[in-house]
Amino acid sequence: MNKSIVAALCASLAVSACASSPEDVSSQFVSPVLYEGYGCDQIKTELIRIDGRVTVLTGQQRRRASQDAWAVGGALIFWPALFFLMRGDKADELGRLKGEYDALTAVAQQKNCTFQSSPAQPAAS
């Protein structure tokens, strides 16, 4: 009886602690009001900066999700592998950056900003 309870707890911990795939990370709300004082050049610069950071975080998050999937599989054989699931998740920062990108895009549209070469969309938004 106790073994089944421990197994159920380990399974629920493993599932809840896994890093999300970057495509599954939703953007967090960021108010466009934060960027209303920005000019079109500043908006473009911020969009490019955020896009670069999102690209880096997307790669890190994808690797973390893959590693967590392997750790869950390994946990069936070696339970201490579960301790490695709690580190390195970048979902919060990725979601915040996606929200900032959305807010900047909304302000750019309000100000009728046009960019010669449009800044890239954040990866997996």
PDB file of N, CA and C in Angstrom:
ATOM      1  N   MET A   1       0.813  -1.193   0.000  1.00  0.00           N
ATOM      2  CA  MET A   1       0.000   0.000   0.000  1.00  0.00           C
ATOM      3  C   MET A   1       0.857   1.258   0.000  1.00  0.00           C
ATOM      4  N   ASN A   2       1.859   1.309   0.885  1.00  0.00           N
ATOM      5  CA  ASN A   2       2.733   2.474   0.958  1.00  0.00           C
ATOM      6  C   ASN A   2       3.528   2.672  -0.320  1.00  0.00           C
ATOM      7  N   LYS A   3       3.924   1.576  -0.961  1.00  0.00           N
ATOM      8  CA  LYS A   3       4.694   1.686  -2.200  1.00  0.00           C
ATOM      9  C   LYS A   3       3.862   2.331  -3.307  1.00  0.00           C
ATOM     10  N   SER A   4       2.591   2.019  -3.355  1.00  0.00           N
ATOM     11  CA  SER A   4       1.739   2.605  -4.393  1.00  0.00           C
ATOM     12  C   SER A   4       1.515   4.093  -4.140  1.00  0.00           C
ATOM     13  N   ILE A   5       1.439   4.500  -2.887  1.00  0.00           N
ATOM     14  CA  ILE A   5       1.290   5.925  -2.568  1.00  0.00           C
ATOM     15  C   ILE A   5       2.556   6.680  -2.949  1.00  0.00           C
ATOM     16  N   VAL A   6       3.709   6.113  -2.610  1.00  0.00           N
ATOM     17  CA  VAL A   6       4.979   6.743  -2.959  1.00  0.00           C
ATOM     18  C   VAL A   6       5.126   6.827  -4.476  1.00  0.00           C
ATOM     19  N   ALA A   7       4.750   5.775  -5.175  1.00  0.00           N
ATOM     20  CA  ALA A   7       4.838   5.785  -6.640  1.00  0.00           C
ATOM     21  C   ALA A   7       3.929   6.853  -7.232  1.00  0.00           C
ATOM     22  N   ALA A   8       2.732   6.998  -6.685  1.00  0.00           N
ATOM     23  CA  ALA A   8       1.796   8.017  -7.173  1.00  0.00           C
ATOM     24  C   ALA A   8       2.329   9.417  -6.910  1.00  0.00           C
ATOM     25  N   LEU A   9       2.916   9.643  -5.747  1.00  0.00           N
ATOM     26  CA  LEU A   9       3.494  10.953  -5.436  1.00  0.00           C
ATOM     27  C   LEU A   9       4.666  11.273  -6.354  1.00  0.00           C
ATOM     28  N   CYS A  10       5.513  10.292  -6.597  1.00  0.00           N
ATOM     29  CA  CYS A  10       6.655  10.499  -7.502  1.00  0.00           C
ATOM     30  C   CYS A  10       6.177  10.813  -8.916  1.00  0.00           C
ATOM     31  N   ALA A  11       5.158  10.107  -9.366  1.00  0.00           N
ATOM     32  CA  ALA A  11       4.629  10.343 -10.711  1.00  0.00           C
ATOM     33  C   ALA A  11       4.035  11.745 -10.827  1.00  0.00           C
ATOM     34  N   SER A  12       3.278  12.181  -9.808  1.00  0.00           N
ATOM     35  CA  SER A  12       2.684  13.519  -9.871  1.00  0.00           C
ATOM     36  C   SER A  12       3.768  14.592  -9.802  1.00  0.00           C
ATOM     37  N   LEU A  13       4.815  14.372  -9.004  1.00  0.00           N
ATOM     38  CA  LEU A  13       5.931  15.312  -8.949  1.00  0.00           C
ATOM     39  C   LEU A  13       6.625  15.393 -10.293  1.00  0.00           C
ATOM     40  N   ALA A  14       6.853  14.264 -10.904  1.00  0.00           N
ATOM     41  CA  ALA A  14       7.542  14.229 -12.199  1.00  0.00           C
ATOM     42  C   ALA A  14       6.760  14.976 -13.259  1.00  0.00           C
ATOM     43  N   VAL A  15       5.462  14.768 -13.308  1.00  0.00           N
ATOM     44  CA  VAL A  15       4.637  15.420 -14.329  1.00  0.00           C
ATOM     45  C   VAL A  15       4.559  16.912 -14.086  1.00  0.00           C
ATOM     46  N   SER A  16       4.402  17.327 -12.828  1.00  0.00           N
ATOM     47  CA  SER A  16       4.241  18.748 -12.542  1.00  0.00           C
ATOM     48  C   SER A  16       5.549  19.518 -12.633  1.00  0.00           C
ATOM     49  N   ALA A  17       6.668  18.858 -12.479  1.00  0.00           N
ATOM     50  CA  ALA A  17       7.953  19.544 -12.470  1.00  0.00           C
ATOM     51  C   ALA A  17       8.590  19.640 -13.846  1.00  0.00           C
ATOM     52  N   CYS A  18       8.026  19.013 -14.846  1.00  0.00           N
ATOM     53  CA  CYS A  18       8.616  19.023 -16.179  1.00  0.00           C
ATOM     54  C   CYS A  18       8.544  20.409 -16.800  1.00  0.00           C
ATOM     55  N   ALA A  19       9.592  20.782 -17.494  1.00  0.00           N
ATOM     56  CA  ALA A  19       9.606  22.055 -18.209  1.00  0.00           C
ATOM     57  C   ALA A  19       8.666  21.968 -19.410  1.00  0.00           C
ATOM     58  N   SER A  20       7.983  23.058 -19.671  1.00  0.00           N
ATOM     59  CA  SER A  20       7.073  23.131 -20.809  1.00  0.00           C
ATOM     60  C   SER A  20       7.864  23.281 -22.096  1.00  0.00           C
ATOM     61  N   SER A  21       7.290  22.790 -23.164  1.00  0.00           N
ATOM     62  CA  SER A  21       7.856  23.038 -24.478  1.00  0.00           C
ATOM     63  C   SER A  21       7.721  24.540 -24.754  1.00  0.00           C
ATOM     64  N   PRO A  22       8.690  25.185 -25.406  1.00  0.00           N
ATOM     65  CA  PRO A  22       8.604  26.633 -25.626  1.00  0.00           C
ATOM     66  C   PRO A  22       7.355  27.041 -26.413  1.00  0.00           C
ATOM     67  N   GLU A  23       6.885  26.162 -27.278  1.00  0.00           N
ATOM     68  CA  GLU A  23       5.665  26.470 -28.032  1.00  0.00           C
ATOM     69  C   GLU A  23       4.431  26.513 -27.134  1.00  0.00           C
ATOM     70  N   ASP A  24       4.491  25.854 -25.986  1.00  0.00           N
ATOM     71  CA  ASP A  24       3.358  25.808 -25.064  1.00  0.00           C
ATOM     72  C   ASP A  24       3.369  26.934 -24.036  1.00  0.00           C
ATOM     73  N   VAL A  25       4.408  27.759 -24.037  1.00  0.00           N
ATOM     74  CA  VAL A  25       4.508  28.865 -23.091  1.00  0.00           C
ATOM     75  C   VAL A  25       3.688  30.030 -23.630  1.00  0.00           C
ATOM     76  N   SER A  26       2.696  30.435 -22.867  1.00  0.00           N
ATOM     77  CA  SER A  26       1.833  31.546 -23.271  1.00  0.00           C
ATOM     78  C   SER A  26       2.465  32.876 -22.899  1.00  0.00           C
ATOM     79  N   SER A  27       2.137  33.891 -23.676  1.00  0.00           N
ATOM     80  CA  SER A  27       2.654  35.218 -23.337  1.00  0.00           C
ATOM     81  C   SER A  27       1.903  35.749 -22.124  1.00  0.00           C
ATOM     82  N   GLN A  28       2.639  36.401 -21.237  1.00  0.00           N
ATOM     83  CA  GLN A  28       2.044  37.040 -20.075  1.00  0.00           C
ATOM     84  C   GLN A  28       1.630  38.450 -20.481  1.00  0.00           C
ATOM     85  N   PHE A  29       0.597  38.958 -19.833  1.00  0.00           N
ATOM     86  CA  PHE A  29       0.149  40.311 -20.173  1.00  0.00           C
ATOM     87  C   PHE A  29       1.167  41.334 -19.685  1.00  0.00           C
ATOM     88  N   VAL A  30       1.555  42.217 -20.573  1.00  0.00           N
ATOM     89  CA  VAL A  30       2.387  43.372 -20.248  1.00  0.00           C
ATOM     90  C   VAL A  30       1.656  44.581 -20.819  1.00  0.00           C
ATOM     91  N   SER A  31       1.434  45.583 -20.005  1.00  0.00           N
ATOM     92  CA  SER A  31       0.678  46.751 -20.440  1.00  0.00           C
ATOM     93  C   SER A  31       1.445  47.549 -21.482  1.00  0.00           C
ATOM     94  N   PRO A  32       0.785  47.877 -22.597  1.00  0.00           N
ATOM     95  CA  PRO A  32       1.423  48.721 -23.611  1.00  0.00           C
ATOM     96  C   PRO A  32       1.740  50.128 -23.093  1.00  0.00           C
ATOM     97  N   VAL A  33       1.096  50.519 -22.012  1.00  0.00           N
ATOM     98  CA  VAL A  33       1.327  51.843 -21.436  1.00  0.00           C
ATOM     99  C   VAL A  33       2.803  52.033 -21.082  1.00  0.00           C
ATOM    100  N   LEU A  34       3.478  50.946 -20.741  1.00  0.00           N
ATOM    101  CA  LEU A  34       4.898  51.025 -20.397  1.00  0.00           C
ATOM    102  C   LEU A  34       5.747  51.569 -21.541  1.00  0.00           C
ATOM    103  N   TYR A  35       5.264  51.400 -22.759  1.00  0.00           N
ATOM    104  CA  TYR A  35       6.064  51.763 -23.936  1.00  0.00           C
ATOM    105  C   TYR A  35       5.496  52.954 -24.702  1.00  0.00           C
ATOM    106  N   GLU A  36       4.481  53.613 -24.180  1.00  0.00           N
ATOM    107  CA  GLU A  36       3.867  54.721 -24.914  1.00  0.00           C
ATOM    108  C   GLU A  36       4.823  55.890 -25.148  1.00  0.00           C
ATOM    109  N   GLY A  37       5.808  56.056 -24.288  1.00  0.00           N
ATOM    110  CA  GLY A  37       6.771  57.137 -24.451  1.00  0.00           C
ATOM    111  C   GLY A  37       7.883  56.821 -25.446  1.00  0.00           C
ATOM    112  N   TYR A  38       7.890  55.622 -25.978  1.00  0.00           N
ATOM    113  CA  TYR A  38       8.932  55.208 -26.917  1.00  0.00           C
ATOM    114  C   TYR A  38       8.621  55.728 -28.312  1.00  0.00           C
ATOM    115  N   GLY A  39       9.671  56.128 -29.014  1.00  0.00           N
ATOM    116  CA  GLY A  39       9.548  56.473 -30.421  1.00  0.00           C
ATOM    117  C   GLY A  39       9.683  55.205 -31.258  1.00  0.00           C
ATOM    118  N   CYS A  40       9.430  55.320 -32.534  1.00  0.00           N
ATOM    119  CA  CYS A  40       9.479  54.149 -33.423  1.00  0.00           C
ATOM    120  C   CYS A  40      10.854  53.488 -33.434  1.00  0.00           C
ATOM    121  N   ASP A  41      11.922  54.288 -33.397  1.00  0.00           N
ATOM    122  CA  ASP A  41      13.268  53.702 -33.378  1.00  0.00           C
ATOM    123  C   ASP A  41      13.516  52.914 -32.092  1.00  0.00           C
ATOM    124  N   GLN A  42      13.056  53.463 -30.971  1.00  0.00           N
ATOM    125  CA  GLN A  42      13.222  52.758 -29.700  1.00  0.00           C
ATOM    126  C   GLN A  42      12.407  51.461 -29.683  1.00  0.00           C
ATOM    127  N   ILE A  43      11.218  51.528 -30.240  1.00  0.00           N
ATOM    128  CA  ILE A  43      10.367  50.331 -30.309  1.00  0.00           C
ATOM    129  C   ILE A  43      11.058  49.253 -31.135  1.00  0.00           C
ATOM    130  N   LYS A  44      11.590  49.649 -32.293  1.00  0.00           N
ATOM    131  CA  LYS A  44      12.269  48.673 -33.152  1.00  0.00           C
ATOM    132  C   LYS A  44      13.471  48.069 -32.441  1.00  0.00           C
ATOM    133  N   THR A  45      14.249  48.899 -31.762  1.00  0.00           N
ATOM    134  CA  THR A  45      15.418  48.404 -31.032  1.00  0.00           C
ATOM    135  C   THR A  45      15.005  47.401 -29.958  1.00  0.00           C
ATOM    136  N   GLU A  46      13.948  47.706 -29.222  1.00  0.00           N
ATOM    137  CA  GLU A  46      13.464  46.796 -28.176  1.00  0.00           C
ATOM    138  C   GLU A  46      12.928  45.497 -28.771  1.00  0.00           C
ATOM    139  N   LEU A  47      12.213  45.588 -29.877  1.00  0.00           N
ATOM    140  CA  LEU A  47      11.697  44.382 -30.528  1.00  0.00           C
ATOM    141  C   LEU A  47      12.841  43.466 -30.960  1.00  0.00           C
ATOM    142  N   ILE A  48      13.888  44.040 -31.486  1.00  0.00           N
ATOM    143  CA  ILE A  48      15.039  43.248 -31.927  1.00  0.00           C
ATOM    144  C   ILE A  48      15.743  42.623 -30.721  1.00  0.00           C
ATOM    145  N   ARG A  49      15.901  43.402 -29.637  1.00  0.00           N
ATOM    146  CA  ARG A  49      16.546  42.883 -28.429  1.00  0.00           C
ATOM    147  C   ARG A  49      15.740  41.728 -27.847  1.00  0.00           C
ATOM    148  N   ILE A  50      14.437  41.909 -27.753  1.00  0.00           N
ATOM    149  CA  ILE A  50      13.574  40.870 -27.190  1.00  0.00           C
ATOM    150  C   ILE A  50      13.594  39.632 -28.076  1.00  0.00           C
ATOM    151  N   ASP A  51      13.558  39.829 -29.388  1.00  0.00           N
ATOM    152  CA  ASP A  51      13.597  38.687 -30.296  1.00  0.00           C
ATOM    153  C   ASP A  51      14.862  37.860 -30.094  1.00  0.00           C
ATOM    154  N   GLY A  52      16.000  38.531 -29.918  1.00  0.00           N
ATOM    155  CA  GLY A  52      17.248  37.813 -29.680  1.00  0.00           C
ATOM    156  C   GLY A  52      17.207  37.006 -28.396  1.00  0.00           C
ATOM    157  N   ARG A  53      16.677  37.616 -27.344  1.00  0.00           N
ATOM    158  CA  ARG A  53      16.594  36.917 -26.049  1.00  0.00           C
ATOM    159  C   ARG A  53      15.597  35.760 -26.123  1.00  0.00           C
ATOM    160  N   VAL A  54      14.471  35.961 -26.809  1.00  0.00           N
ATOM    161  CA  VAL A  54      13.475  34.892 -26.960  1.00  0.00           C
ATOM    162  C   VAL A  54      14.085  33.714 -27.721  1.00  0.00           C
ATOM    163  N   THR A  55      14.882  34.000 -28.725  1.00  0.00           N
ATOM    164  CA  THR A  55      15.526  32.930 -29.490  1.00  0.00           C
ATOM    165  C   THR A  55      16.428  32.095 -28.588  1.00  0.00           C
ATOM    166  N   VAL A  56      17.226  32.767 -27.754  1.00  0.00           N
ATOM    167  CA  VAL A  56      18.117  32.062 -26.828  1.00  0.00           C
ATOM    168  C   VAL A  56      17.302  31.244 -25.831  1.00  0.00           C
ATOM    169  N   LEU A  57      16.296  31.863 -25.219  1.00  0.00           N
ATOM    170  CA  LEU A  57      15.484  31.171 -24.215  1.00  0.00           C
ATOM    171  C   LEU A  57      14.699  30.004 -24.816  1.00  0.00           C
ATOM    172  N   THR A  58      14.249  30.158 -26.054  1.00  0.00           N
ATOM    173  CA  THR A  58      13.515  29.074 -26.706  1.00  0.00           C
ATOM    174  C   THR A  58      14.396  27.841 -26.840  1.00  0.00           C
ATOM    175  N   GLY A  59      15.646  28.044 -27.235  1.00  0.00           N
ATOM    176  CA  GLY A  59      16.581  26.921 -27.328  1.00  0.00           C
ATOM    177  C   GLY A  59      16.833  26.285 -25.977  1.00  0.00           C
ATOM    178  N   GLN A  60      17.032  27.117 -24.943  1.00  0.00           N
ATOM    179  CA  GLN A  60      17.262  26.590 -23.598  1.00  0.00           C
ATOM    180  C   GLN A  60      16.045  25.837 -23.078  1.00  0.00           C
ATOM    181  N   GLN A  61      14.863  26.396 -23.319  1.00  0.00           N
ATOM    182  CA  GLN A  61      13.631  25.765 -22.847  1.00  0.00           C
ATOM    183  C   GLN A  61      13.386  24.445 -23.573  1.00  0.00           C
ATOM    184  N   ARG A  62      13.664  24.413 -24.861  1.00  0.00           N
ATOM    185  CA  ARG A  62      13.487  23.184 -25.629  1.00  0.00           C
ATOM    186  C   ARG A  62      14.415  22.085 -25.099  1.00  0.00           C
ATOM    187  N   ARG A  63      15.679  22.444 -24.820  1.00  0.00           N
ATOM    188  CA  ARG A  63      16.621  21.466 -24.247  1.00  0.00           C
ATOM    189  C   ARG A  63      16.171  21.005 -22.868  1.00  0.00           C
ATOM    190  N   ARG A  64      15.694  21.946 -22.045  1.00  0.00           N
ATOM    191  CA  ARG A  64      15.242  21.604 -20.688  1.00  0.00           C
ATOM    192  C   ARG A  64      14.048  20.656 -20.748  1.00  0.00           C
ATOM    193  N   ALA A  65      13.100  20.926 -21.634  1.00  0.00           N
ATOM    194  CA  ALA A  65      11.922  20.056 -21.761  1.00  0.00           C
ATOM    195  C   ALA A  65      12.335  18.657 -22.203  1.00  0.00           C
ATOM    196  N   SER A  66      13.295  18.595 -23.131  1.00  0.00           N
ATOM    197  CA  SER A  66      13.789  17.301 -23.597  1.00  0.00           C
ATOM    198  C   SER A  66      14.504  16.550 -22.471  1.00  0.00           C
ATOM    199  N   GLN A  67      15.343  17.260 -21.720  1.00  0.00           N
ATOM    200  CA  GLN A  67      16.050  16.634 -20.601  1.00  0.00           C
ATOM    201  C   GLN A  67      15.073  16.138 -19.540  1.00  0.00           C
ATOM    202  N   ASP A  68      14.034  16.924 -19.281  1.00  0.00           N
ATOM    203  CA  ASP A  68      13.040  16.511 -18.288  1.00  0.00           C
ATOM    204  C   ASP A  68      12.305  15.257 -18.728  1.00  0.00           C
ATOM    205  N   ALA A  69      12.022  15.170 -20.017  1.00  0.00           N
ATOM    206  CA  ALA A  69      11.342  13.967 -20.518  1.00  0.00           C
ATOM    207  C   ALA A  69      12.223  12.738 -20.296  1.00  0.00           C
ATOM    208  N   TRP A  70      13.530  12.890 -20.542  1.00  0.00           N
ATOM    209  CA  TRP A  70      14.456  11.779 -20.292  1.00  0.00           C
ATOM    210  C   TRP A  70      14.550  11.469 -18.806  1.00  0.00           C
ATOM    211  N   ALA A  71      14.553  12.503 -17.962  1.00  0.00           N
ATOM    212  CA  ALA A  71      14.653  12.287 -16.515  1.00  0.00           C
ATOM    213  C   ALA A  71      13.433  11.554 -15.980  1.00  0.00           C
ATOM    214  N   VAL A  72      12.249  11.886 -16.516  1.00  0.00           N
ATOM    215  CA  VAL A  72      11.038  11.181 -16.083  1.00  0.00           C
ATOM    216  C   VAL A  72      11.143   9.716 -16.455  1.00  0.00           C
ATOM    217  N   GLY A  73      11.616   9.438 -17.652  1.00  0.00           N
ATOM    218  CA  GLY A  73      11.808   8.048 -18.062  1.00  0.00           C
ATOM    219  C   GLY A  73      12.834   7.354 -17.176  1.00  0.00           C
ATOM    220  N   GLY A  74      13.918   8.067 -16.843  1.00  0.00           N
ATOM    221  CA  GLY A  74      14.942   7.502 -15.976  1.00  0.00           C
ATOM    222  C   GLY A  74      14.480   7.339 -14.543  1.00  0.00           C
ATOM    223  N   ALA A  75      13.504   8.154 -14.140  1.00  0.00           N
ATOM    224  CA  ALA A  75      13.000   8.086 -12.764  1.00  0.00           C
ATOM    225  C   ALA A  75      12.304   6.764 -12.493  1.00  0.00           C
ATOM    226  N   LEU A  76      11.796   6.145 -13.541  1.00  0.00           N
ATOM    227  CA  LEU A  76      11.163   4.842 -13.347  1.00  0.00           C
ATOM    228  C   LEU A  76      12.194   3.803 -12.925  1.00  0.00           C
ATOM    229  N   ILE A  77      13.439   4.022 -13.331  1.00  0.00           N
ATOM    230  CA  ILE A  77      14.511   3.097 -12.988  1.00  0.00           C
ATOM    231  C   ILE A  77      15.329   3.638 -11.813  1.00  0.00           C
ATOM    232  N   PHE A  78      15.597   4.932 -11.823  1.00  0.00           N
ATOM    233  CA  PHE A  78      16.473   5.551 -10.821  1.00  0.00           C
ATOM    234  C   PHE A  78      15.765   6.777 -10.269  1.00  0.00           C
ATOM    235  N   TRP A  79      15.039   6.654  -9.152  1.00  0.00           N
ATOM    236  CA  TRP A  79      14.195   7.730  -8.632  1.00  0.00           C
ATOM    237  C   TRP A  79      14.921   9.029  -8.308  1.00  0.00           C
ATOM    238  N   PRO A  80      16.230   9.041  -7.920  1.00  0.00           N
ATOM    239  CA  PRO A  80      16.871  10.347  -7.665  1.00  0.00           C
ATOM    240  C   PRO A  80      16.913  11.255  -8.898  1.00  0.00           C
ATOM    241  N   ALA A  81      16.640  10.711 -10.080  1.00  0.00           N
ATOM    242  CA  ALA A  81      16.604  11.539 -11.290  1.00  0.00           C
ATOM    243  C   ALA A  81      15.523  12.611 -11.186  1.00  0.00           C
ATOM    244  N   LEU A  82      14.516  12.410 -10.341  1.00  0.00           N
ATOM    245  CA  LEU A  82      13.448  13.396 -10.180  1.00  0.00           C
ATOM    246  C   LEU A  82      13.972  14.734  -9.658  1.00  0.00           C
ATOM    247  N   PHE A  83      15.077  14.711  -8.897  1.00  0.00           N
ATOM    248  CA  PHE A  83      15.616  15.955  -8.352  1.00  0.00           C
ATOM    249  C   PHE A  83      16.150  16.884  -9.429  1.00  0.00           C
ATOM    250  N   PHE A  84      16.448  16.356 -10.601  1.00  0.00           N
ATOM    251  CA  PHE A  84      16.975  17.185 -11.684  1.00  0.00           C
ATOM    252  C   PHE A  84      15.877  17.915 -12.452  1.00  0.00           C
ATOM    253  N   LEU A  85      14.622  17.619 -12.154  1.00  0.00           N
ATOM    254  CA  LEU A  85      13.519  18.235 -12.891  1.00  0.00           C
ATOM    255  C   LEU A  85      13.249  19.668 -12.467  1.00  0.00           C
ATOM    256  N   MET A  86      13.710  20.089 -11.341  1.00  0.00           N
ATOM    257  CA  MET A  86      13.336  21.386 -10.784  1.00  0.00           C
ATOM    258  C   MET A  86      14.233  22.529 -11.259  1.00  0.00           C
ATOM    259  N   ARG A  87      15.243  22.263 -12.056  1.00  0.00           N
ATOM    260  CA  ARG A  87      16.200  23.301 -12.412  1.00  0.00           C
ATOM    261  C   ARG A  87      16.086  23.713 -13.874  1.00  0.00           C
ATOM    262  N   GLY A  88      16.351  24.998 -14.129  1.00  0.00           N
ATOM    263  CA  GLY A  88      16.558  25.456 -15.490  1.00  0.00           C
ATOM    264  C   GLY A  88      15.325  25.783 -16.314  1.00  0.00           C
ATOM    265  N   ASP A  89      14.143  25.798 -15.725  1.00  0.00           N
ATOM    266  CA  ASP A  89      12.940  26.116 -16.493  1.00  0.00           C
ATOM    267  C   ASP A  89      12.907  27.621 -16.769  1.00  0.00           C
ATOM    268  N   LYS A  90      12.784  28.004 -18.017  1.00  0.00           N
ATOM    269  CA  LYS A  90      12.795  29.411 -18.437  1.00  0.00           C
ATOM    270  C   LYS A  90      11.409  29.891 -18.858  1.00  0.00           C
ATOM    271  N   ALA A  91      10.362  29.139 -18.528  1.00  0.00           N
ATOM    272  CA  ALA A  91       9.014  29.454 -19.002  1.00  0.00           C
ATOM    273  C   ALA A  91       8.536  30.823 -18.531  1.00  0.00           C
ATOM    274  N   ASP A  92       8.810  31.193 -17.285  1.00  0.00           N
ATOM    275  CA  ASP A  92       8.342  32.490 -16.793  1.00  0.00           C
ATOM    276  C   ASP A  92       8.959  33.651 -17.561  1.00  0.00           C
ATOM    277  N   GLU A  93      10.274  33.602 -17.739  1.00  0.00           N
ATOM    278  CA  GLU A  93      10.944  34.679 -18.467  1.00  0.00           C
ATOM    279  C   GLU A  93      10.511  34.694 -19.935  1.00  0.00           C
ATOM    280  N   LEU A  94      10.360  33.516 -20.513  1.00  0.00           N
ATOM    281  CA  LEU A  94       9.927  33.422 -21.910  1.00  0.00           C
ATOM    282  C   LEU A  94       8.523  34.005 -22.078  1.00  0.00           C
ATOM    283  N   GLY A  95       7.622  33.688 -21.174  1.00  0.00           N
ATOM    284  CA  GLY A  95       6.264  34.229 -21.226  1.00  0.00           C
ATOM    285  C   GLY A  95       6.238  35.739 -21.064  1.00  0.00           C
ATOM    286  N   ARG A  96       7.070  36.260 -20.143  1.00  0.00           N
ATOM    287  CA  ARG A  96       7.139  37.704 -19.931  1.00  0.00           C
ATOM    288  C   ARG A  96       7.663  38.407 -21.186  1.00  0.00           C
ATOM    289  N   LEU A  97       8.712  37.852 -21.799  1.00  0.00           N
ATOM    290  CA  LEU A  97       9.261  38.470 -23.009  1.00  0.00           C
ATOM    291  C   LEU A  97       8.273  38.440 -24.166  1.00  0.00           C
ATOM    292  N   LYS A  98       7.527  37.363 -24.292  1.00  0.00           N
ATOM    293  CA  LYS A  98       6.500  37.308 -25.332  1.00  0.00           C
ATOM    294  C   LYS A  98       5.445  38.384 -25.092  1.00  0.00           C
ATOM    295  N   GLY A  99       5.104  38.621 -23.821  1.00  0.00           N
ATOM    296  CA  GLY A  99       4.154  39.682 -23.485  1.00  0.00           C
ATOM    297  C   GLY A  99       4.694  41.061 -23.803  1.00  0.00           C
ATOM    298  N   GLU A 100       5.986  41.271 -23.522  1.00  0.00           N
ATOM    299  CA  GLU A 100       6.611  42.551 -23.855  1.00  0.00           C
ATOM    300  C   GLU A 100       6.598  42.772 -25.365  1.00  0.00           C
ATOM    301  N   TYR A 101       6.883  41.729 -26.114  1.00  0.00           N
ATOM    302  CA  TYR A 101       6.875  41.826 -27.577  1.00  0.00           C
ATOM    303  C   TYR A 101       5.478  42.213 -28.064  1.00  0.00           C
ATOM    304  N   ASP A 102       4.453  41.568 -27.506  1.00  0.00           N
ATOM    305  CA  ASP A 102       3.071  41.889 -27.888  1.00  0.00           C
ATOM    306  C   ASP A 102       2.732  43.348 -27.561  1.00  0.00           C
ATOM    307  N   ALA A 103       3.146  43.821 -26.382  1.00  0.00           N
ATOM    308  CA  ALA A 103       2.871  45.198 -25.977  1.00  0.00           C
ATOM    309  C   ALA A 103       3.581  46.190 -26.898  1.00  0.00           C
ATOM    310  N   LEU A 104       4.834  45.909 -27.220  1.00  0.00           N
ATOM    311  CA  LEU A 104       5.578  46.785 -28.127  1.00  0.00           C
ATOM    312  C   LEU A 104       4.954  46.814 -29.518  1.00  0.00           C
ATOM    313  N   THR A 105       4.501  45.666 -29.975  1.00  0.00           N
ATOM    314  CA  THR A 105       3.857  45.593 -31.284  1.00  0.00           C
ATOM    315  C   THR A 105       2.570  46.420 -31.296  1.00  0.00           C
ATOM    316  N   ALA A 106       1.806  46.355 -30.197  1.00  0.00           N
ATOM    317  CA  ALA A 106       0.569  47.137 -30.109  1.00  0.00           C
ATOM    318  C   ALA A 106       0.873  48.635 -30.142  1.00  0.00           C
ATOM    319  N   VAL A 107       1.896  49.082 -29.429  1.00  0.00           N
ATOM    320  CA  VAL A 107       2.271  50.497 -29.421  1.00  0.00           C
ATOM    321  C   VAL A 107       2.774  50.916 -30.800  1.00  0.00           C
ATOM    322  N   ALA A 108       3.542  50.053 -31.451  1.00  0.00           N
ATOM    323  CA  ALA A 108       4.035  50.367 -32.797  1.00  0.00           C
ATOM    324  C   ALA A 108       2.870  50.559 -33.761  1.00  0.00           C
ATOM    325  N   GLN A 109       1.842  49.735 -33.629  1.00  0.00           N
ATOM    326  CA  GLN A 109       0.671  49.880 -34.502  1.00  0.00           C
ATOM    327  C   GLN A 109      -0.081  51.171 -34.194  1.00  0.00           C
ATOM    328  N   GLN A 110      -0.218  51.507 -32.906  1.00  0.00           N
ATOM    329  CA  GLN A 110      -0.901  52.749 -32.528  1.00  0.00           C
ATOM    330  C   GLN A 110      -0.175  53.972 -33.081  1.00  0.00           C
ATOM    331  N   LYS A 111       1.138  53.914 -33.106  1.00  0.00           N
ATOM    332  CA  LYS A 111       1.942  55.043 -33.564  1.00  0.00           C
ATOM    333  C   LYS A 111       2.209  54.993 -35.062  1.00  0.00           C
ATOM    334  N   ASN A 112       1.630  54.009 -35.735  1.00  0.00           N
ATOM    335  CA  ASN A 112       1.818  53.826 -37.167  1.00  0.00           C
ATOM    336  C   ASN A 112       3.290  53.714 -37.552  1.00  0.00           C
ATOM    337  N   CYS A 113       4.047  53.020 -36.734  1.00  0.00           N
ATOM    338  CA  CYS A 113       5.465  52.811 -37.035  1.00  0.00           C
ATOM    339  C   CYS A 113       5.581  51.845 -38.204  1.00  0.00           C
ATOM    340  N   THR A 114       6.432  52.185 -39.134  1.00  0.00           N
ATOM    341  CA  THR A 114       6.743  51.271 -40.224  1.00  0.00           C
ATOM    342  C   THR A 114       8.238  51.041 -40.193  1.00  0.00           C
ATOM    343  N   PHE A 115       8.624  49.794 -40.312  1.00  0.00           N
ATOM    344  CA  PHE A 115      10.030  49.432 -40.262  1.00  0.00           C
ATOM    345  C   PHE A 115      10.443  48.957 -41.639  1.00  0.00           C
ATOM    346  N   GLN A 116      11.623  49.405 -42.083  1.00  0.00           N
ATOM    347  CA  GLN A 116      12.142  48.991 -43.385  1.00  0.00           C
ATOM    348  C   GLN A 116      12.143  47.475 -43.503  1.00  0.00           C
ATOM    349  N   SER A 117      12.811  46.824 -42.573  1.00  0.00           N
ATOM    350  CA  SER A 117      12.735  45.375 -42.508  1.00  0.00           C
ATOM    351  C   SER A 117      12.111  45.061 -41.161  1.00  0.00           C
ATOM    352  N   SER A 118      10.958  44.457 -41.200  1.00  0.00           N
ATOM    353  CA  SER A 118      10.245  44.289 -39.956  1.00  0.00           C
ATOM    354  C   SER A 118      10.981  43.376 -39.008  1.00  0.00           C
ATOM    355  N   PRO A 119      10.981  43.764 -37.727  1.00  0.00           N
ATOM    356  CA  PRO A 119      11.631  42.918 -36.729  1.00  0.00           C
ATOM    357  C   PRO A 119      10.999  41.543 -36.723  1.00  0.00           C
ATOM    358  N   ALA A 120      11.806  40.572 -36.487  1.00  0.00           N
ATOM    359  CA  ALA A 120      11.327  39.180 -36.482  1.00  0.00           C
ATOM    360  C   ALA A 120      10.329  38.951 -35.360  1.00  0.00           C
ATOM    361  N   GLN A 121       9.406  38.038 -35.610  1.00  0.00           N
ATOM    362  CA  GLN A 121       8.487  37.616 -34.551  1.00  0.00           C
ATOM    363  C   GLN A 121       9.267  36.811 -33.543  1.00  0.00           C
ATOM    364  N   PRO A 122       8.890  36.877 -32.251  1.00  0.00           N
ATOM    365  CA  PRO A 122       9.591  36.040 -31.297  1.00  0.00           C
ATOM    366  C   PRO A 122       9.320  34.580 -31.615  1.00  0.00           C
ATOM    367  N   ALA A 123      10.322  33.760 -31.433  1.00  0.00           N
ATOM    368  CA  ALA A 123      10.193  32.328 -31.724  1.00  0.00           C
ATOM    369  C   ALA A 123       9.075  31.733 -30.906  1.00  0.00           C
ATOM    370  N   ALA A 124       8.270  30.933 -31.539  1.00  0.00           N
ATOM    371  CA  ALA A 124       7.207  30.161 -30.879  1.00  0.00           C
ATOM    372  C   ALA A 124       6.266  31.031 -30.085  1.00  0.00           C
ATOM    373  N   SER A 125       5.781  32.123 -30.653  1.00  0.00           N
ATOM    374  CA  SER A 125       4.822  32.927 -29.920  1.00  0.00           C
ATOM    375  C   SER A 125       3.475  32.423 -30.218  1.00  0.00           C
TER     376      SER A 125
END
